[in-house]
Amino acid sequence: SQISGQTFVLTGTLATMSRDQVKDKIRELGGVVGESVSKNTTAVIAGENPGSKLEKARKLWVKVVDEKEFLNILK
């Protein structure tokens, strides 16, 4: 899976899944859920009304994916 061994950080509200569901799914597929963005973060999953994590991701050139892109990664 594209998620195995990768670190994801969530920010904002997702429409189709709760944050806990997303975190469980990432862990199920062998990924890691990070609480804060660092240069080791694979991608930030940005929902509605994202917070400062989105700005930090942009500053560190960390990939940002929206909910739709994330759901495609899960397939």
N, C-alpha and C. Protein backbone atom coordinates (compact mmCIF):
# COMPACT_ATOMS: atom_id res chain seq x y z
N SER A 1 0.84 -1.21 0.00
CA SER A 1 0.00 0.00 0.00
C SER A 1 0.86 1.25 0.00
N GLN A 2 0.33 2.31 -0.57
CA GLN A 2 1.05 3.59 -0.63
C GLN A 2 1.19 4.19 0.76
N ILE A 3 0.48 3.64 1.74
CA ILE A 3 0.44 4.23 3.07
C ILE A 3 1.46 3.58 4.01
N SER A 4 1.80 2.33 3.73
CA SER A 4 2.69 1.58 4.62
C SER A 4 4.01 2.32 4.83
N GLY A 5 4.36 2.52 6.10
CA GLY A 5 5.63 3.16 6.43
C GLY A 5 5.64 4.68 6.27
N GLN A 6 4.52 5.26 5.85
CA GLN A 6 4.45 6.70 5.63
C GLN A 6 3.80 7.38 6.84
N THR A 7 4.12 8.66 7.03
CA THR A 7 3.56 9.41 8.16
C THR A 7 2.60 10.48 7.65
N PHE A 8 1.39 10.48 8.21
CA PHE A 8 0.36 11.43 7.82
C PHE A 8 -0.08 12.26 9.02
N VAL A 9 -0.40 13.51 8.75
CA VAL A 9 -0.93 14.41 9.78
C VAL A 9 -2.25 14.95 9.26
N LEU A 10 -3.26 15.00 10.13
CA LEU A 10 -4.57 15.51 9.73
C LEU A 10 -4.77 16.93 10.22
N THR A 11 -5.46 17.72 9.41
CA THR A 11 -5.87 19.05 9.85
C THR A 11 -7.23 19.38 9.24
N GLY A 12 -8.05 20.04 10.00
CA GLY A 12 -9.39 20.39 9.50
C GLY A 12 -10.39 19.26 9.66
N THR A 13 -11.60 19.49 9.15
CA THR A 13 -12.71 18.56 9.28
C THR A 13 -12.94 17.84 7.97
N LEU A 14 -13.10 16.53 8.04
CA LEU A 14 -13.34 15.75 6.83
C LEU A 14 -14.84 15.47 6.69
N ALA A 15 -15.29 15.40 5.44
CA ALA A 15 -16.73 15.25 5.18
C ALA A 15 -17.20 13.80 5.26
N THR A 16 -16.38 12.87 4.78
CA THR A 16 -16.87 11.50 4.63
C THR A 16 -16.44 10.56 5.75
N MET A 17 -15.43 10.93 6.53
CA MET A 17 -14.95 10.06 7.60
C MET A 17 -14.61 10.92 8.81
N SER A 18 -14.72 10.33 9.99
CA SER A 18 -14.28 11.06 11.18
C SER A 18 -12.75 10.99 11.23
N ARG A 19 -12.16 11.89 11.98
CA ARG A 19 -10.71 11.86 12.12
C ARG A 19 -10.23 10.53 12.69
N ASP A 20 -10.99 9.99 13.64
CA ASP A 20 -10.61 8.70 14.23
C ASP A 20 -10.66 7.58 13.20
N GLN A 21 -11.66 7.63 12.32
CA GLN A 21 -11.75 6.60 11.26
C GLN A 21 -10.54 6.69 10.34
N VAL A 22 -10.15 7.92 10.00
CA VAL A 22 -9.00 8.12 9.12
C VAL A 22 -7.74 7.59 9.79
N LYS A 23 -7.56 7.95 11.07
CA LYS A 23 -6.37 7.50 11.81
C LYS A 23 -6.33 5.97 11.88
N ASP A 24 -7.49 5.36 12.16
CA ASP A 24 -7.55 3.89 12.23
C ASP A 24 -7.18 3.27 10.90
N LYS A 25 -7.68 3.85 9.82
CA LYS A 25 -7.42 3.33 8.47
C LYS A 25 -5.93 3.42 8.13
N ILE A 26 -5.32 4.56 8.46
CA ILE A 26 -3.89 4.74 8.19
C ILE A 26 -3.09 3.67 8.96
N ARG A 27 -3.42 3.50 10.23
CA ARG A 27 -2.68 2.53 11.06
C ARG A 27 -2.91 1.10 10.56
N GLU A 28 -4.16 0.81 10.13
CA GLU A 28 -4.51 -0.51 9.60
C GLU A 28 -3.64 -0.86 8.38
N LEU A 29 -3.33 0.15 7.59
CA LEU A 29 -2.56 -0.04 6.36
C LEU A 29 -1.05 0.11 6.59
N GLY A 30 -0.65 0.19 7.87
CA GLY A 30 0.78 0.20 8.17
C GLY A 30 1.40 1.58 8.20
N GLY A 31 0.57 2.61 8.17
CA GLY A 31 1.09 3.97 8.23
C GLY A 31 1.15 4.48 9.65
N VAL A 32 1.70 5.68 9.79
CA VAL A 32 1.85 6.31 11.09
C VAL A 32 1.06 7.62 11.07
N VAL A 33 0.36 7.91 12.18
CA VAL A 33 -0.36 9.17 12.31
C VAL A 33 0.47 10.09 13.19
N GLY A 34 0.88 11.23 12.63
CA GLY A 34 1.66 12.19 13.41
C GLY A 34 0.75 13.28 13.96
N GLU A 35 1.13 13.84 15.09
CA GLU A 35 0.34 14.93 15.67
C GLU A 35 0.82 16.29 15.17
N SER A 36 2.10 16.38 14.81
CA SER A 36 2.60 17.67 14.33
C SER A 36 3.38 17.48 13.05
N VAL A 37 3.43 18.51 12.23
CA VAL A 37 4.08 18.45 10.93
C VAL A 37 5.58 18.64 11.10
N SER A 38 6.35 17.77 10.46
CA SER A 38 7.80 17.93 10.45
C SER A 38 8.30 17.56 9.06
N LYS A 39 9.60 17.69 8.85
CA LYS A 39 10.12 17.33 7.53
C LYS A 39 10.02 15.83 7.26
N ASN A 40 9.72 15.05 8.31
CA ASN A 40 9.54 13.61 8.15
C ASN A 40 8.10 13.23 7.80
N THR A 41 7.20 14.23 7.76
CA THR A 41 5.80 13.95 7.42
C THR A 41 5.70 13.67 5.92
N THR A 42 5.03 12.57 5.57
CA THR A 42 4.84 12.24 4.15
C THR A 42 3.84 13.20 3.52
N ALA A 43 2.69 13.38 4.20
CA ALA A 43 1.65 14.25 3.66
C ALA A 43 0.73 14.72 4.77
N VAL A 44 0.16 15.89 4.54
CA VAL A 44 -0.87 16.43 5.43
C VAL A 44 -2.20 16.25 4.72
N ILE A 45 -3.16 15.68 5.42
CA ILE A 45 -4.51 15.51 4.87
C ILE A 45 -5.31 16.70 5.36
N ALA A 46 -5.70 17.56 4.43
CA ALA A 46 -6.36 18.81 4.80
C ALA A 46 -7.85 18.76 4.49
N GLY A 47 -8.66 18.95 5.53
CA GLY A 47 -10.10 19.01 5.37
C GLY A 47 -10.56 20.45 5.35
N GLU A 48 -11.82 20.67 5.73
CA GLU A 48 -12.38 22.01 5.81
C GLU A 48 -11.78 22.75 7.00
N ASN A 49 -11.59 24.05 6.86
CA ASN A 49 -11.05 24.89 7.93
C ASN A 49 -9.77 24.34 8.55
N PRO A 50 -8.75 24.09 7.71
CA PRO A 50 -7.50 23.58 8.24
C PRO A 50 -6.82 24.63 9.12
N GLY A 51 -6.03 24.17 10.05
CA GLY A 51 -5.37 25.09 10.98
C GLY A 51 -3.93 25.37 10.60
N SER A 52 -3.12 25.66 11.62
CA SER A 52 -1.73 26.06 11.41
C SER A 52 -0.87 24.94 10.83
N LYS A 53 -1.35 23.70 10.95
CA LYS A 53 -0.57 22.58 10.40
C LYS A 53 -0.43 22.72 8.88
N LEU A 54 -1.44 23.29 8.24
CA LEU A 54 -1.38 23.48 6.79
C LEU A 54 -0.29 24.49 6.44
N GLU A 55 -0.23 25.59 7.17
CA GLU A 55 0.80 26.60 6.92
C GLU A 55 2.19 26.00 7.14
N LYS A 56 2.33 25.23 8.21
CA LYS A 56 3.62 24.62 8.52
C LYS A 56 4.03 23.65 7.41
N ALA A 57 3.06 22.88 6.91
CA ALA A 57 3.34 21.93 5.82
C ALA A 57 3.88 22.68 4.60
N ARG A 58 3.25 23.81 4.28
CA ARG A 58 3.69 24.58 3.11
C ARG A 58 5.09 25.14 3.31
N LYS A 59 5.38 25.59 4.52
CA LYS A 59 6.71 26.12 4.82
C LYS A 59 7.79 25.05 4.68
N LEU A 60 7.43 23.81 5.07
CA LEU A 60 8.40 22.71 5.03
C LEU A 60 8.35 21.93 3.71
N TRP A 61 7.54 22.40 2.76
CA TRP A 61 7.38 21.73 1.46
C TRP A 61 6.88 20.29 1.62
N VAL A 62 6.00 20.09 2.60
CA VAL A 62 5.38 18.77 2.79
C VAL A 62 4.16 18.69 1.88
N LYS A 63 3.96 17.56 1.25
CA LYS A 63 2.82 17.37 0.36
C LYS A 63 1.50 17.54 1.13
N VAL A 64 0.56 18.23 0.50
CA VAL A 64 -0.78 18.39 1.10
C VAL A 64 -1.78 17.70 0.17
N VAL A 65 -2.60 16.84 0.74
CA VAL A 65 -3.64 16.19 -0.06
C VAL A 65 -5.01 16.53 0.54
N ASP A 66 -6.00 16.64 -0.33
CA ASP A 66 -7.35 16.88 0.19
C ASP A 66 -8.02 15.53 0.42
N GLU A 67 -9.22 15.59 0.93
CA GLU A 67 -9.92 14.36 1.31
C GLU A 67 -10.11 13.42 0.11
N LYS A 68 -10.47 13.99 -1.04
CA LYS A 68 -10.71 13.19 -2.23
C LYS A 68 -9.43 12.44 -2.65
N GLU A 69 -8.31 13.16 -2.64
CA GLU A 69 -7.04 12.53 -2.99
C GLU A 69 -6.70 11.42 -2.00
N PHE A 70 -6.94 11.69 -0.72
CA PHE A 70 -6.63 10.69 0.30
C PHE A 70 -7.48 9.43 0.09
N LEU A 71 -8.75 9.61 -0.22
CA LEU A 71 -9.64 8.46 -0.44
C LEU A 71 -9.16 7.66 -1.65
N ASN A 72 -8.61 8.34 -2.65
CA ASN A 72 -8.05 7.63 -3.82
C ASN A 72 -6.83 6.80 -3.42
N ILE A 73 -6.01 7.35 -2.50
CA ILE A 73 -4.83 6.62 -2.03
C ILE A 73 -5.26 5.34 -1.31
N LEU A 74 -6.40 5.43 -0.61
CA LEU A 74 -6.88 4.27 0.15
C LEU A 74 -7.34 3.13 -0.75
N LYS A 75 -7.74 3.45 -1.98
CA LYS A 75 -8.30 2.41 -2.87
C LYS A 75 -7.25 1.40 -3.29
